[in-house]
């Protein structure tokens, strides 16, 4: 089997980052009103304005770190 450019540990971190990002997008869902004449204040709560964007940004950071992280060499020389 061919060797991948990313070790399996980094791929796991990428998947974790994707899961965190999907959780952030899921938390953004909702808050609308079925009647356009009624304003719903639920769309301006903490979950939609603060928590979900932070989760999306955290997922992006996890993915970037997972891609940029170098695997540890067994031989000890990091060139």
PDB file of N, CA and C in Angstrom:
ATOM      1  N   UNK A   1       0.842  -1.187   0.000  1.00  0.00           N
ATOM      2  CA  UNK A   1       0.000   0.000   0.000  1.00  0.00           C
ATOM      3  C   UNK A   1       0.883   1.245   0.000  1.00  0.00           C
ATOM      4  N   UNK A   2       0.497   2.236  -0.756  1.00  0.00           N
ATOM      5  CA  UNK A   2       1.279   3.467  -0.872  1.00  0.00           C
ATOM      6  C   UNK A   2       1.205   4.260   0.426  1.00  0.00           C
ATOM      7  N   UNK A   3       2.269   4.998   0.676  1.00  0.00           N
ATOM      8  CA  UNK A   3       2.341   5.806   1.890  1.00  0.00           C
ATOM      9  C   UNK A   3       1.638   7.142   1.651  1.00  0.00           C
ATOM     10  N   UNK A   4       0.766   7.521   2.570  1.00  0.00           N
ATOM     11  CA  UNK A   4       0.059   8.791   2.454  1.00  0.00           C
ATOM     12  C   UNK A   4       0.970   9.929   2.893  1.00  0.00           C
ATOM     13  N   UNK A   5       0.646  11.137   2.453  1.00  0.00           N
ATOM     14  CA  UNK A   5       1.460  12.281   2.843  1.00  0.00           C
ATOM     15  C   UNK A   5       1.176  12.719   4.275  1.00  0.00           C
ATOM     16  N   UNK A   6       0.013  12.347   4.795  1.00  0.00           N
ATOM     17  CA  UNK A   6      -0.324  12.656   6.177  1.00  0.00           C
ATOM     18  C   UNK A   6      -0.446  11.367   6.977  1.00  0.00           C
ATOM     19  N   UNK A   7       0.149  11.323   8.168  1.00  0.00           N
ATOM     20  CA  UNK A   7      -0.011  10.128   8.997  1.00  0.00           C
ATOM     21  C   UNK A   7      -1.450   9.993   9.498  1.00  0.00           C
ATOM     22  N   UNK A   8      -1.776   8.825   9.984  1.00  0.00           N
ATOM     23  CA  UNK A   8      -3.150   8.559  10.411  1.00  0.00           C
ATOM     24  C   UNK A   8      -3.567   9.446  11.592  1.00  0.00           C
ATOM     25  N   UNK A   9      -2.627   9.820  12.438  1.00  0.00           N
ATOM     26  CA  UNK A   9      -2.950  10.699  13.571  1.00  0.00           C
ATOM     27  C   UNK A   9      -3.405  12.073  13.072  1.00  0.00           C
ATOM     28  N   UNK A  10      -2.752  12.585  12.047  1.00  0.00           N
ATOM     29  CA  UNK A  10      -3.144  13.874  11.492  1.00  0.00           C
ATOM     30  C   UNK A  10      -4.497  13.790  10.805  1.00  0.00           C
ATOM     31  N   UNK A  11      -4.758  12.670  10.139  1.00  0.00           N
ATOM     32  CA  UNK A  11      -6.058  12.496   9.484  1.00  0.00           C
ATOM     33  C   UNK A  11      -7.171  12.449  10.530  1.00  0.00           C
ATOM     34  N   UNK A  12      -6.894  11.829  11.668  1.00  0.00           N
ATOM     35  CA  UNK A  12      -7.888  11.823  12.761  1.00  0.00           C
ATOM     36  C   UNK A  12      -8.175  13.240  13.251  1.00  0.00           C
ATOM     37  N   UNK A  13      -7.117  14.051  13.377  1.00  0.00           N
ATOM     38  CA  UNK A  13      -7.317  15.436  13.801  1.00  0.00           C
ATOM     39  C   UNK A  13      -8.119  16.223  12.768  1.00  0.00           C
ATOM     40  N   UNK A  14      -7.911  15.944  11.484  1.00  0.00           N
ATOM     41  CA  UNK A  14      -8.687  16.611  10.442  1.00  0.00           C
ATOM     42  C   UNK A  14     -10.157  16.230  10.569  1.00  0.00           C
ATOM     43  N   UNK A  15     -10.426  14.961  10.800  1.00  0.00           N
ATOM     44  CA  UNK A  15     -11.818  14.526  10.981  1.00  0.00           C
ATOM     45  C   UNK A  15     -12.452  15.148  12.218  1.00  0.00           C
ATOM     46  N   UNK A  16     -11.686  15.262  13.295  1.00  0.00           N
ATOM     47  CA  UNK A  16     -12.193  15.925  14.505  1.00  0.00           C
ATOM     48  C   UNK A  16     -12.505  17.384  14.209  1.00  0.00           C
ATOM     49  N   UNK A  17     -11.635  18.055  13.471  1.00  0.00           N
ATOM     50  CA  UNK A  17     -11.879  19.448  13.094  1.00  0.00           C
ATOM     51  C   UNK A  17     -13.135  19.588  12.257  1.00  0.00           C
ATOM     52  N   UNK A  18     -13.352  18.657  11.331  1.00  0.00           N
ATOM     53  CA  UNK A  18     -14.574  18.696  10.522  1.00  0.00           C
ATOM     54  C   UNK A  18     -15.815  18.486  11.369  1.00  0.00           C
ATOM     55  N   UNK A  19     -15.739  17.580  12.331  1.00  0.00           N
ATOM     56  CA  UNK A  19     -16.883  17.338  13.224  1.00  0.00           C
ATOM     57  C   UNK A  19     -17.188  18.583  14.051  1.00  0.00           C
ATOM     58  N   UNK A  20     -16.148  19.263  14.541  1.00  0.00           N
ATOM     59  CA  UNK A  20     -16.349  20.495  15.315  1.00  0.00           C
ATOM     60  C   UNK A  20     -16.983  21.568  14.440  1.00  0.00           C
ATOM     61  N   UNK A  21     -16.526  21.680  13.183  1.00  0.00           N
ATOM     62  CA  UNK A  21     -17.115  22.669  12.278  1.00  0.00           C
ATOM     63  C   UNK A  21     -18.578  22.362  11.981  1.00  0.00           C
ATOM     64  N   UNK A  22     -18.909  21.101  11.748  1.00  0.00           N
ATOM     65  CA  UNK A  22     -20.299  20.719  11.482  1.00  0.00           C
ATOM     66  C   UNK A  22     -21.167  21.009  12.700  1.00  0.00           C
ATOM     67  N   UNK A  23     -20.630  20.768  13.898  1.00  0.00           N
ATOM     68  CA  UNK A  23     -21.383  21.087  15.118  1.00  0.00           C
ATOM     69  C   UNK A  23     -21.660  22.585  15.212  1.00  0.00           C
ATOM     70  N   UNK A  24     -20.692  23.410  14.817  1.00  0.00           N
ATOM     71  CA  UNK A  24     -20.896  24.852  14.818  1.00  0.00           C
ATOM     72  C   UNK A  24     -21.969  25.277  13.840  1.00  0.00           C
ATOM     73  N   UNK A  25     -21.967  24.675  12.651  1.00  0.00           N
ATOM     74  CA  UNK A  25     -22.991  25.011  11.661  1.00  0.00           C
ATOM     75  C   UNK A  25     -24.371  24.528  12.104  1.00  0.00           C
ATOM     76  N   UNK A  26     -24.428  23.387  12.760  1.00  0.00           N
ATOM     77  CA  UNK A  26     -25.716  22.887  13.254  1.00  0.00           C
ATOM     78  C   UNK A  26     -26.268  23.810  14.331  1.00  0.00           C
ATOM     79  N   UNK A  27     -25.392  24.348  15.182  1.00  0.00           N
ATOM     80  CA  UNK A  27     -25.852  25.272  16.223  1.00  0.00           C
ATOM     81  C   UNK A  27     -26.364  26.591  15.647  1.00  0.00           C
ATOM     82  N   UNK A  28     -25.960  26.935  14.428  1.00  0.00           N
ATOM     83  CA  UNK A  28     -26.444  28.167  13.798  1.00  0.00           C
ATOM     84  C   UNK A  28     -27.851  28.035  13.229  1.00  0.00           C
ATOM     85  N   UNK A  29     -28.324  26.824  13.066  1.00  0.00           N
ATOM     86  CA  UNK A  29     -29.615  26.593  12.420  1.00  0.00           C
ATOM     87  C   UNK A  29     -30.756  27.105  13.302  1.00  0.00           C
ATOM     88  N   UNK A  30     -31.785  27.618  12.662  1.00  0.00           N
ATOM     89  CA  UNK A  30     -33.014  27.989  13.365  1.00  0.00           C
ATOM     90  C   UNK A  30     -33.083  29.450  13.721  1.00  0.00           C
ATOM     91  N   UNK A  31     -34.095  29.773  14.482  1.00  0.00           N
ATOM     92  CA  UNK A  31     -34.275  31.135  14.944  1.00  0.00           C
ATOM     93  C   UNK A  31     -35.152  31.980  14.060  1.00  0.00           C
ATOM     94  N   UNK A  32     -35.596  31.424  12.959  1.00  0.00           N
ATOM     95  CA  UNK A  32     -36.465  32.171  12.068  1.00  0.00           C
ATOM     96  C   UNK A  32     -37.909  32.120  12.533  1.00  0.00           C
ATOM     97  N   UNK A  33     -38.734  32.866  11.854  1.00  0.00           N
ATOM     98  CA  UNK A  33     -40.152  32.900  12.179  1.00  0.00           C
ATOM     99  C   UNK A  33     -40.944  32.465  10.954  1.00  0.00           C
ATOM    100  N   UNK A  34     -42.004  31.718  11.175  1.00  0.00           N
ATOM    101  CA  UNK A  34     -42.833  31.287  10.048  1.00  0.00           C
ATOM    102  C   UNK A  34     -43.683  32.442   9.518  1.00  0.00           C
ATOM    103  N   UNK A  35     -43.959  33.417  10.366  1.00  0.00           N
ATOM    104  CA  UNK A  35     -44.735  34.583   9.960  1.00  0.00           C
ATOM    105  C   UNK A  35     -43.775  35.755   9.739  1.00  0.00           C
ATOM    106  N   UNK A  36     -43.701  36.332   8.534  1.00  0.00           N
ATOM    107  CA  UNK A  36     -42.756  37.421   8.293  1.00  0.00           C
ATOM    108  C   UNK A  36     -43.088  38.710   9.042  1.00  0.00           C
ATOM    109  N   UNK A  37     -44.291  38.836   9.561  1.00  0.00           N
ATOM    110  CA  UNK A  37     -44.677  40.035  10.304  1.00  0.00           C
ATOM    111  C   UNK A  37     -44.253  39.972  11.773  1.00  0.00           C
ATOM    112  N   UNK A  38     -43.848  38.804  12.252  1.00  0.00           N
ATOM    113  CA  UNK A  38     -43.461  38.627  13.657  1.00  0.00           C
ATOM    114  C   UNK A  38     -41.947  38.500  13.726  1.00  0.00           C
ATOM    115  N   UNK A  39     -41.319  39.350  14.552  1.00  0.00           N
ATOM    116  CA  UNK A  39     -39.870  39.310  14.718  1.00  0.00           C
ATOM    117  C   UNK A  39     -39.528  38.331  15.830  1.00  0.00           C
ATOM    118  N   UNK A  40     -38.570  37.461  15.579  1.00  0.00           N
ATOM    119  CA  UNK A  40     -38.163  36.463  16.553  1.00  0.00           C
ATOM    120  C   UNK A  40     -36.791  36.831  17.108  1.00  0.00           C
ATOM    121  N   UNK A  41     -36.735  37.129  18.402  1.00  0.00           N
ATOM    122  CA  UNK A  41     -35.477  37.513  19.040  1.00  0.00           C
ATOM    123  C   UNK A  41     -34.567  36.316  19.289  1.00  0.00           C
ATOM    124  N   UNK A  42     -35.056  35.119  19.018  1.00  0.00           N
ATOM    125  CA  UNK A  42     -34.284  33.916  19.254  1.00  0.00           C
ATOM    126  C   UNK A  42     -33.054  33.844  18.352  1.00  0.00           C
ATOM    127  N   UNK A  43     -33.067  34.538  17.231  1.00  0.00           N
ATOM    128  CA  UNK A  43     -31.918  34.470  16.337  1.00  0.00           C
ATOM    129  C   UNK A  43     -30.744  35.317  16.819  1.00  0.00           C
ATOM    130  N   UNK A  44     -30.927  36.091  17.871  1.00  0.00           N
ATOM    131  CA  UNK A  44     -29.842  36.903  18.426  1.00  0.00           C
ATOM    132  C   UNK A  44     -29.392  36.393  19.787  1.00  0.00           C
ATOM    133  N   UNK A  45     -29.439  35.087  20.009  1.00  0.00           N
ATOM    134  CA  UNK A  45     -29.016  34.562  21.299  1.00  0.00           C
ATOM    135  C   UNK A  45     -27.531  34.193  21.282  1.00  0.00           C
ATOM    136  N   UNK A  46     -27.009  33.832  22.433  1.00  0.00           N
ATOM    137  CA  UNK A  46     -25.588  33.528  22.615  1.00  0.00           C
ATOM    138  C   UNK A  46     -25.140  32.387  21.717  1.00  0.00           C
ATOM    139  N   UNK A  47     -25.974  31.384  21.572  1.00  0.00           N
ATOM    140  CA  UNK A  47     -25.605  30.194  20.807  1.00  0.00           C
ATOM    141  C   UNK A  47     -25.329  30.530  19.344  1.00  0.00           C
ATOM    142  N   UNK A  48     -26.152  31.361  18.749  1.00  0.00           N
ATOM    143  CA  UNK A  48     -26.008  31.673  17.326  1.00  0.00           C
ATOM    144  C   UNK A  48     -24.989  32.766  17.042  1.00  0.00           C
ATOM    145  N   UNK A  49     -24.817  33.698  17.961  1.00  0.00           N
ATOM    146  CA  UNK A  49     -23.908  34.818  17.709  1.00  0.00           C
ATOM    147  C   UNK A  49     -22.487  34.596  18.207  1.00  0.00           C
ATOM    148  N   UNK A  50     -22.307  33.760  19.223  1.00  0.00           N
ATOM    149  CA  UNK A  50     -20.983  33.616  19.819  1.00  0.00           C
ATOM    150  C   UNK A  50     -20.478  32.177  19.727  1.00  0.00           C
ATOM    151  N   UNK A  51     -21.248  31.250  20.231  1.00  0.00           N
ATOM    152  CA  UNK A  51     -20.779  29.879  20.361  1.00  0.00           C
ATOM    153  C   UNK A  51     -20.552  29.204  19.013  1.00  0.00           C
ATOM    154  N   UNK A  52     -21.513  29.294  18.115  1.00  0.00           N
ATOM    155  CA  UNK A  52     -21.362  28.589  16.844  1.00  0.00           C
ATOM    156  C   UNK A  52     -20.235  29.158  15.968  1.00  0.00           C
ATOM    157  N   UNK A  53     -20.049  30.478  15.853  1.00  0.00           N
ATOM    158  CA  UNK A  53     -18.883  30.951  15.088  1.00  0.00           C
ATOM    159  C   UNK A  53     -17.553  30.556  15.719  1.00  0.00           C
ATOM    160  N   UNK A  54     -17.504  30.517  17.056  1.00  0.00           N
ATOM    161  CA  UNK A  54     -16.272  30.077  17.708  1.00  0.00           C
ATOM    162  C   UNK A  54     -15.971  28.613  17.405  1.00  0.00           C
ATOM    163  N   UNK A  55     -17.003  27.778  17.357  1.00  0.00           N
ATOM    164  CA  UNK A  55     -16.797  26.373  17.024  1.00  0.00           C
ATOM    165  C   UNK A  55     -16.317  26.208  15.583  1.00  0.00           C
ATOM    166  N   UNK A  56     -16.868  26.998  14.679  1.00  0.00           N
ATOM    167  CA  UNK A  56     -16.429  26.912  13.279  1.00  0.00           C
ATOM    168  C   UNK A  56     -14.970  27.346  13.160  1.00  0.00           C
ATOM    169  N   UNK A  57     -14.595  28.427  13.818  1.00  0.00           N
ATOM    170  CA  UNK A  57     -13.209  28.903  13.778  1.00  0.00           C
ATOM    171  C   UNK A  57     -12.284  27.897  14.453  1.00  0.00           C
ATOM    172  N   UNK A  58     -12.709  27.308  15.566  1.00  0.00           N
ATOM    173  CA  UNK A  58     -11.905  26.297  16.245  1.00  0.00           C
ATOM    174  C   UNK A  58     -11.694  25.081  15.343  1.00  0.00           C
ATOM    175  N   UNK A  59     -12.719  24.677  14.624  1.00  0.00           N
ATOM    176  CA  UNK A  59     -12.575  23.565  13.689  1.00  0.00           C
ATOM    177  C   UNK A  59     -11.579  23.877  12.588  1.00  0.00           C
ATOM    178  N   UNK A  60     -11.611  25.100  12.073  1.00  0.00           N
ATOM    179  CA  UNK A  60     -10.655  25.501  11.039  1.00  0.00           C
ATOM    180  C   UNK A  60      -9.232  25.490  11.585  1.00  0.00           C
ATOM    181  N   UNK A  61      -9.057  25.974  12.805  1.00  0.00           N
ATOM    182  CA  UNK A  61      -7.726  25.984  13.425  1.00  0.00           C
ATOM    183  C   UNK A  61      -7.227  24.556  13.642  1.00  0.00           C
ATOM    184  N   UNK A  62      -8.094  23.665  14.088  1.00  0.00           N
ATOM    185  CA  UNK A  62      -7.698  22.262  14.291  1.00  0.00           C
ATOM    186  C   UNK A  62      -7.261  21.642  12.971  1.00  0.00           C
ATOM    187  N   UNK A  63      -7.983  21.925  11.909  1.00  0.00           N
ATOM    188  CA  UNK A  63      -7.625  21.375  10.606  1.00  0.00           C
ATOM    189  C   UNK A  63      -6.293  21.931  10.114  1.00  0.00           C
ATOM    190  N   UNK A  64      -6.066  23.220  10.280  1.00  0.00           N
ATOM    191  CA  UNK A  64      -4.801  23.827   9.853  1.00  0.00           C
ATOM    192  C   UNK A  64      -3.637  23.243  10.635  1.00  0.00           C
ATOM    193  N   UNK A  65      -3.807  23.080  11.943  1.00  0.00           N
ATOM    194  CA  UNK A  65      -2.743  22.505  12.769  1.00  0.00           C
ATOM    195  C   UNK A  65      -2.489  21.059  12.358  1.00  0.00           C
ATOM    196  N   UNK A  66      -3.547  20.313  12.071  1.00  0.00           N
ATOM    197  CA  UNK A  66      -3.382  18.911  11.670  1.00  0.00           C
ATOM    198  C   UNK A  66      -2.654  18.793  10.341  1.00  0.00           C
ATOM    199  N   UNK A  67      -2.891  19.717   9.439  1.00  0.00           N
ATOM    200  CA  UNK A  67      -2.207  19.669   8.144  1.00  0.00           C
ATOM    201  C   UNK A  67      -0.753  20.103   8.282  1.00  0.00           C
ATOM    202  N   UNK A  68      -0.490  21.129   9.075  1.00  0.00           N
ATOM    203  CA  UNK A  68       0.853  21.687   9.170  1.00  0.00           C
ATOM    204  C   UNK A  68       1.767  20.918  10.126  1.00  0.00           C
ATOM    205  N   UNK A  69       1.205  20.127  11.010  1.00  0.00           N
ATOM    206  CA  UNK A  69       2.003  19.408  12.010  1.00  0.00           C
ATOM    207  C   UNK A  69       2.856  18.343  11.342  1.00  0.00           C
ATOM    208  N   UNK A  70       4.125  18.347  11.671  1.00  0.00           N
ATOM    209  CA  UNK A  70       5.050  17.369  11.108  1.00  0.00           C
ATOM    210  C   UNK A  70       5.059  16.122  11.979  1.00  0.00           C
ATOM    211  N   UNK A  71       5.084  14.966  11.362  1.00  0.00           N
ATOM    212  CA  UNK A  71       5.176  13.732  12.158  1.00  0.00           C
ATOM    213  C   UNK A  71       6.562  13.599  12.768  1.00  0.00           C
ATOM    214  N   UNK A  72       6.620  12.960  13.929  1.00  0.00           N
ATOM    215  CA  UNK A  72       7.898  12.748  14.581  1.00  0.00           C
ATOM    216  C   UNK A  72       8.627  11.613  13.893  1.00  0.00           C
ATOM    217  N   UNK A  73       9.896  11.860  13.601  1.00  0.00           N
ATOM    218  CA  UNK A  73      10.714  10.846  12.961  1.00  0.00           C
ATOM    219  C   UNK A  73      11.214   9.847  13.998  1.00  0.00           C
ATOM    220  N   UNK A  74      11.265   8.600  13.613  1.00  0.00           N
ATOM    221  CA  UNK A  74      11.831   7.593  14.525  1.00  0.00           C
ATOM    222  C   UNK A  74      13.347   7.690  14.577  1.00  0.00           C
ATOM    223  N   UNK A  75      13.959   8.156  13.485  1.00  0.00           N
ATOM    224  CA  UNK A  75      15.425   8.225  13.413  1.00  0.00           C
ATOM    225  C   UNK A  75      15.977   9.417  14.181  1.00  0.00           C
ATOM    226  N   UNK A  76      15.138  10.451  14.410  1.00  0.00           N
ATOM    227  CA  UNK A  76      15.581  11.582  15.204  1.00  0.00           C
ATOM    228  C   UNK A  76      16.038  12.774  14.398  1.00  0.00           C
ATOM    229  N   UNK A  77      16.209  12.647  13.088  1.00  0.00           N
ATOM    230  CA  UNK A  77      16.633  13.804  12.292  1.00  0.00           C
ATOM    231  C   UNK A  77      15.426  14.421  11.597  1.00  0.00           C
ATOM    232  N   UNK A  78      15.126  15.658  11.958  1.00  0.00           N
ATOM    233  CA  UNK A  78      14.010  16.410  11.362  1.00  0.00           C
ATOM    234  C   UNK A  78      14.579  17.403  10.369  1.00  0.00           C
ATOM    235  N   UNK A  79      14.563  17.048   9.112  1.00  0.00           N
ATOM    236  CA  UNK A  79      15.095  17.968   8.096  1.00  0.00           C
ATOM    237  C   UNK A  79      13.981  18.653   7.381  1.00  0.00           C
TER     238      UNK A  79
END
